Amino acid sequence: GNVPVQPGTIYSTFPQNKLENGRIIVSGITDKIGGVLANGVFGIIVFQAKAAGLAKISLEFSPGSTIDSNVIKSGSSKDVLDKVENLEIKIQ
């Protein structure tokens, strides 16, 4: 079936990749020993505009939480992500 996020260049496996109640739920992992440098494209999402105006995209994030947006240090369970930035798109 269709998945909401097309894999990018960082992670080789996406154990979760679904659209549920208007939310995209996605996770990426690697099988490389020692992990990967999380610098690159996580994934690609294609949206279809319904009308002109502003569209807001937000990420669920709380510092230190591992049940939202996070990056886990290889060999640990430590969330090393310290901030995320939401996105606002102007559709013309």
Protein backbone atom coordinates (compact mmCIF):
# COMPACT_ATOMS: atom_id res chain seq x y z
CA GLY A 1 0.00 0.00 0.00
CA ASN A 2 0.88 3.65 -0.02
CA VAL A 3 3.06 5.00 2.75
CA PRO A 4 3.01 8.67 3.73
CA VAL A 5 6.81 9.05 3.93
CA GLN A 6 9.15 7.96 1.16
CA PRO A 7 12.48 6.87 2.70
CA GLY A 8 15.37 9.31 2.45
CA THR A 9 19.10 8.76 2.74
CA ILE A 10 19.68 8.39 6.50
CA TYR A 11 17.87 5.23 7.64
CA SER A 12 17.50 1.90 5.85
CA THR A 13 14.36 0.62 7.58
CA PHE A 14 11.06 2.30 8.51
CA PRO A 15 9.27 0.03 11.04
CA GLN A 16 6.39 2.51 11.34
CA ASN A 17 5.17 4.51 8.36
CA LYS A 18 1.45 5.18 8.42
CA LEU A 19 -1.24 7.83 8.32
CA GLU A 20 -3.55 7.60 11.33
CA ASN A 21 -6.30 10.09 12.22
CA GLY A 22 -4.66 12.89 10.22
CA ARG A 23 -1.24 12.25 11.78
CA ILE A 24 1.80 10.74 10.13
CA ILE A 25 3.51 8.20 12.37
CA VAL A 26 6.97 7.28 11.14
CA SER A 27 10.19 5.88 12.57
CA GLY A 28 13.51 5.10 10.95
CA ILE A 29 16.27 2.79 12.09
CA THR A 30 19.57 1.55 10.74
CA ASP A 31 21.21 -1.85 10.88
CA LYS A 32 24.71 -0.36 10.59
CA ILE A 33 26.91 -1.20 13.57
CA GLY A 34 27.68 2.02 15.44
CA GLY A 35 24.69 3.82 13.93
CA VAL A 36 24.71 6.55 11.31
CA LEU A 37 25.40 10.26 11.27
CA ALA A 38 21.87 11.72 11.25
CA ASN A 39 22.69 14.36 8.66
CA GLY A 40 20.69 14.17 5.46
CA VAL A 41 17.14 13.50 4.29
CA PHE A 42 15.01 11.48 6.72
CA GLY A 43 12.15 11.13 4.27
CA ILE A 44 10.00 12.89 1.70
CA ILE A 45 6.31 13.74 2.15
CA VAL A 46 4.21 14.91 -0.82
CA PHE A 47 1.17 17.01 0.05
CA GLN A 48 -1.73 17.93 -2.20
CA ALA A 49 -3.12 21.43 -1.66
CA LYS A 50 -6.84 21.76 -1.03
CA ALA A 51 -6.95 25.55 -1.26
CA ALA A 52 -4.78 28.67 -1.19
CA GLY A 53 -3.68 29.87 2.25
CA LEU A 54 -1.32 28.87 5.05
CA ALA A 55 -0.69 25.25 5.95
CA LYS A 56 0.99 24.42 9.25
CA ILE A 57 3.01 21.26 9.85
CA SER A 58 4.02 20.54 13.43
CA LEU A 59 6.16 17.88 15.06
CA GLU A 60 5.36 16.36 18.45
CA PHE A 61 8.39 17.03 20.64
CA SER A 62 9.30 17.25 24.33
CA PRO A 63 13.02 17.37 25.26
CA GLY A 64 14.16 14.06 26.77
CA SER A 65 10.99 12.16 25.84
CA THR A 66 11.36 9.02 23.73
CA ILE A 67 7.67 8.77 22.74
CA ASP A 68 7.65 11.66 20.27
CA SER A 69 10.15 13.15 17.78
CA ASN A 70 13.62 12.04 18.82
CA VAL A 71 17.05 10.84 17.79
CA ILE A 72 18.53 8.06 19.91
CA LYS A 73 22.30 7.81 20.41
CA SER A 74 23.70 4.50 19.16
CA GLY A 75 24.30 1.99 21.95
CA SER A 76 22.09 3.85 24.41
CA SER A 77 18.50 4.87 24.98
CA LYS A 78 19.40 8.57 25.29
CA ASP A 79 17.36 11.05 23.24
CA VAL A 80 19.94 13.51 21.84
CA LEU A 81 17.47 15.70 19.92
CA ASP A 82 17.25 19.06 21.68
CA LYS A 83 14.84 20.98 19.44
CA VAL A 84 12.61 20.75 16.38
CA GLU A 85 11.17 23.46 14.17
CA ASN A 86 7.62 23.44 12.86
CA LEU A 87 6.84 24.51 9.32
CA GLU A 88 4.35 26.92 7.78
CA ILE A 89 3.79 26.80 4.03
CA LYS A 90 2.11 29.50 1.97
CA ILE A 91 -0.04 27.94 -0.76
CA GLN A 92 -0.91 30.26 -3.65
